[in-house]
Amino acid sequence: TDNAVIACLVTFFGVTLVFTAVLYLHMFILAHVHSRRIMALHKSRRQTTSMKGAITLTILLGVFIICWGPFFLHLILILICPTDPYCKCYFSHFNLFLILIICNSLIDPVIYA
């Protein structure tokens, strides 16, 4: 049953990652369209707003993957190679992975600001 729970968590992470990426892409497209409409109204040629949005969304997704990825890699390795010595070495860093997850919650508001 432990493996089933881990498999569900890993699947949930994958679905969450894809869902988040799709939402951020959708937000970027909406921001880009809005920016173009504003430029058309003001006859301006600046596209810095679109670039700032793209950079912000890329940073958000990158931080999400960096902070949550090691934890879910840990779970995948528990399923794939629970007794392998190399995997056990990776398992010893579990507390660091939890700290990274907490850091994601602290970093996101800074990125949005």
C-alpha atoms as a PDB file:
ATOM      1  CA  THR A   1       0.000   0.000   0.000  1.00  0.00           C
ATOM      2  CA  ASP A   2       2.951   2.338   0.600  1.00  0.00           C
ATOM      3  CA  ASN A   3       3.956   2.011  -3.049  1.00  0.00           C
ATOM      4  CA  ALA A   4       0.423   2.853  -4.152  1.00  0.00           C
ATOM      5  CA  VAL A   5       0.449   6.017  -2.034  1.00  0.00           C
ATOM      6  CA  ILE A   6       3.846   7.019  -3.414  1.00  0.00           C
ATOM      7  CA  ALA A   7       2.707   6.330  -6.980  1.00  0.00           C
ATOM      8  CA  CYS A   8      -0.376   8.510  -6.377  1.00  0.00           C
ATOM      9  CA  LEU A   9       1.782  11.325  -4.989  1.00  0.00           C
ATOM     10  CA  VAL A  10       4.152  11.172  -7.953  1.00  0.00           C
ATOM     11  CA  THR A  11       1.224  11.151 -10.371  1.00  0.00           C
ATOM     12  CA  PHE A  12      -0.318  14.085  -8.523  1.00  0.00           C
ATOM     13  CA  PHE A  13       2.974  15.991  -8.804  1.00  0.00           C
ATOM     14  CA  GLY A  14       3.140  15.348 -12.557  1.00  0.00           C
ATOM     15  CA  VAL A  15      -0.464  16.442 -13.061  1.00  0.00           C
ATOM     16  CA  THR A  16       0.093  19.517 -10.871  1.00  0.00           C
ATOM     17  CA  LEU A  17       3.235  20.425 -12.803  1.00  0.00           C
ATOM     18  CA  VAL A  18       1.472  20.144 -16.171  1.00  0.00           C
ATOM     19  CA  PHE A  19      -1.595  22.002 -14.876  1.00  0.00           C
ATOM     20  CA  THR A  20       0.578  24.797 -13.454  1.00  0.00           C
ATOM     21  CA  ALA A  21       2.555  25.091 -16.690  1.00  0.00           C
ATOM     22  CA  VAL A  22      -0.663  25.269 -18.743  1.00  0.00           C
ATOM     23  CA  LEU A  23      -2.137  27.913 -16.428  1.00  0.00           C
ATOM     24  CA  TYR A  24       1.025  30.018 -16.559  1.00  0.00           C
ATOM     25  CA  LEU A  25       1.134  29.711 -20.340  1.00  0.00           C
ATOM     26  CA  HIS A  26      -2.505  30.778 -20.520  1.00  0.00           C
ATOM     27  CA  MET A  27      -1.804  33.768 -18.239  1.00  0.00           C
ATOM     28  CA  PHE A  28       1.172  34.731 -20.398  1.00  0.00           C
ATOM     29  CA  ILE A  29      -0.883  34.586 -23.582  1.00  0.00           C
ATOM     30  CA  LEU A  30      -3.617  36.731 -22.014  1.00  0.00           C
ATOM     31  CA  ALA A  31      -1.036  39.252 -20.778  1.00  0.00           C
ATOM     32  CA  HIS A  32       0.605  39.333 -24.205  1.00  0.00           C
ATOM     33  CA  VAL A  33      -2.719  39.959 -25.953  1.00  0.00           C
ATOM     34  CA  HIS A  34      -3.591  42.658 -23.414  1.00  0.00           C
ATOM     35  CA  SER A  35      -0.180  44.281 -23.881  1.00  0.00           C
ATOM     36  CA  ARG A  36      -0.631  44.343 -27.657  1.00  0.00           C
ATOM     37  CA  ARG A  37      -4.032  45.990 -27.294  1.00  0.00           C
ATOM     38  CA  ILE A  38      -2.556  48.661 -25.047  1.00  0.00           C
ATOM     39  CA  MET A  39       0.299  49.231 -27.514  1.00  0.00           C
ATOM     40  CA  ALA A  40      -2.204  49.561 -30.356  1.00  0.00           C
ATOM     41  CA  LEU A  41      -4.176  52.162 -28.423  1.00  0.00           C
ATOM     42  CA  HIS A  42      -1.138  54.196 -27.454  1.00  0.00           C
ATOM     43  CA  LYS A  43       0.845  53.658 -30.661  1.00  0.00           C
ATOM     44  CA  SER A  44       3.734  52.461 -28.516  1.00  0.00           C
ATOM     45  CA  ARG A  45       6.273  49.915 -29.665  1.00  0.00           C
ATOM     46  CA  ARG A  46       7.394  48.667 -26.250  1.00  0.00           C
ATOM     47  CA  GLN A  47       7.068  44.985 -25.494  1.00  0.00           C
ATOM     48  CA  THR A  48       8.802  45.025 -22.128  1.00  0.00           C
ATOM     49  CA  THR A  49       5.561  44.129 -20.343  1.00  0.00           C
ATOM     50  CA  SER A  50       5.288  40.865 -22.272  1.00  0.00           C
ATOM     51  CA  MET A  51       8.911  40.027 -21.605  1.00  0.00           C
ATOM     52  CA  LYS A  52       8.558  40.780 -17.888  1.00  0.00           C
ATOM     53  CA  GLY A  53       5.551  38.470 -17.742  1.00  0.00           C
ATOM     54  CA  ALA A  54       7.377  35.705 -19.581  1.00  0.00           C
ATOM     55  CA  ILE A  55      10.401  36.036 -17.319  1.00  0.00           C
ATOM     56  CA  THR A  56       8.251  36.022 -14.175  1.00  0.00           C
ATOM     57  CA  LEU A  57       6.332  32.934 -15.282  1.00  0.00           C
ATOM     58  CA  THR A  58       9.550  31.144 -16.241  1.00  0.00           C
ATOM     59  CA  ILE A  59      11.070  31.943 -12.853  1.00  0.00           C
ATOM     60  CA  LEU A  60       7.932  30.765 -11.018  1.00  0.00           C
ATOM     61  CA  LEU A  61       7.845  27.460 -12.879  1.00  0.00           C
ATOM     62  CA  GLY A  62      11.599  26.977 -12.506  1.00  0.00           C
ATOM     63  CA  VAL A  63      11.496  27.613  -8.760  1.00  0.00           C
ATOM     64  CA  PHE A  64       8.550  25.219  -8.430  1.00  0.00           C
ATOM     65  CA  ILE A  65      10.459  22.458 -10.226  1.00  0.00           C
ATOM     66  CA  ILE A  66      13.693  23.113  -8.304  1.00  0.00           C
ATOM     67  CA  CYS A  67      11.948  23.161  -4.926  1.00  0.00           C
ATOM     68  CA  TRP A  68       9.543  20.251  -5.397  1.00  0.00           C
ATOM     69  CA  GLY A  69      11.466  18.103  -7.905  1.00  0.00           C
ATOM     70  CA  PRO A  70      14.016  16.542  -5.501  1.00  0.00           C
ATOM     71  CA  PHE A  71      11.254  15.423  -3.133  1.00  0.00           C
ATOM     72  CA  PHE A  72       9.333  13.694  -5.894  1.00  0.00           C
ATOM     73  CA  LEU A  73      12.522  12.224  -7.339  1.00  0.00           C
ATOM     74  CA  HIS A  74      13.032  10.812  -3.846  1.00  0.00           C
ATOM     75  CA  LEU A  75       9.574   9.211  -4.014  1.00  0.00           C
ATOM     76  CA  ILE A  76      10.226   7.825  -7.500  1.00  0.00           C
ATOM     77  CA  LEU A  77      13.521   6.311  -6.338  1.00  0.00           C
ATOM     78  CA  ILE A  78      11.723   4.652  -3.408  1.00  0.00           C
ATOM     79  CA  LEU A  79       9.545   2.902  -5.988  1.00  0.00           C
ATOM     80  CA  ILE A  80      12.318   2.068  -8.461  1.00  0.00           C
ATOM     81  CA  CYS A  81      15.346   1.206  -6.336  1.00  0.00           C
ATOM     82  CA  PRO A  82      14.561   1.091  -2.619  1.00  0.00           C
ATOM     83  CA  THR A  83      17.648  -0.954  -1.698  1.00  0.00           C
ATOM     84  CA  ASP A  84      20.262   0.365  -4.151  1.00  0.00           C
ATOM     85  CA  PRO A  85      23.205   2.020  -2.312  1.00  0.00           C
ATOM     86  CA  TYR A  86      23.204   5.036  -4.660  1.00  0.00           C
ATOM     87  CA  CYS A  87      19.511   5.584  -4.040  1.00  0.00           C
ATOM     88  CA  LYS A  88      20.027   5.210  -0.287  1.00  0.00           C
ATOM     89  CA  CYS A  89      22.653   7.963  -0.477  1.00  0.00           C
ATOM     90  CA  TYR A  90      20.043  10.207  -2.126  1.00  0.00           C
ATOM     91  CA  PHE A  91      17.499   9.209   0.542  1.00  0.00           C
ATOM     92  CA  SER A  92      19.764  10.613   3.253  1.00  0.00           C
ATOM     93  CA  HIS A  93      18.998  14.149   2.042  1.00  0.00           C
ATOM     94  CA  PHE A  94      15.257  13.924   2.772  1.00  0.00           C
ATOM     95  CA  ASN A  95      15.291  16.796   5.300  1.00  0.00           C
ATOM     96  CA  LEU A  96      16.928  19.061   2.714  1.00  0.00           C
ATOM     97  CA  PHE A  97      14.115  18.248   0.276  1.00  0.00           C
ATOM     98  CA  LEU A  98      11.532  19.271   2.881  1.00  0.00           C
ATOM     99  CA  ILE A  99      13.398  22.529   3.460  1.00  0.00           C
ATOM    100  CA  LEU A 100      13.302  23.198  -0.298  1.00  0.00           C
ATOM    101  CA  ILE A 101       9.530  22.707  -0.304  1.00  0.00           C
ATOM    102  CA  ILE A 102       9.175  25.230   2.507  1.00  0.00           C
ATOM    103  CA  CYS A 103      11.478  27.617   0.640  1.00  0.00           C
ATOM    104  CA  ASN A 104       9.126  27.482  -2.352  1.00  0.00           C
ATOM    105  CA  SER A 105       6.379  28.946  -0.190  1.00  0.00           C
ATOM    106  CA  LEU A 106       8.719  31.707   0.943  1.00  0.00           C
ATOM    107  CA  ILE A 107      10.119  32.492  -2.518  1.00  0.00           C
ATOM    108  CA  ASP A 108       6.819  32.712  -4.458  1.00  0.00           C
ATOM    109  CA  PRO A 109       5.582  35.944  -2.819  1.00  0.00           C
ATOM    110  CA  VAL A 110       8.985  37.548  -3.497  1.00  0.00           C
ATOM    111  CA  ILE A 111       8.752  36.602  -7.174  1.00  0.00           C
ATOM    112  CA  TYR A 112       5.197  37.949  -7.456  1.00  0.00           C
ATOM    113  CA  ALA A 113       6.219  41.199  -5.777  1.00  0.00           C
END
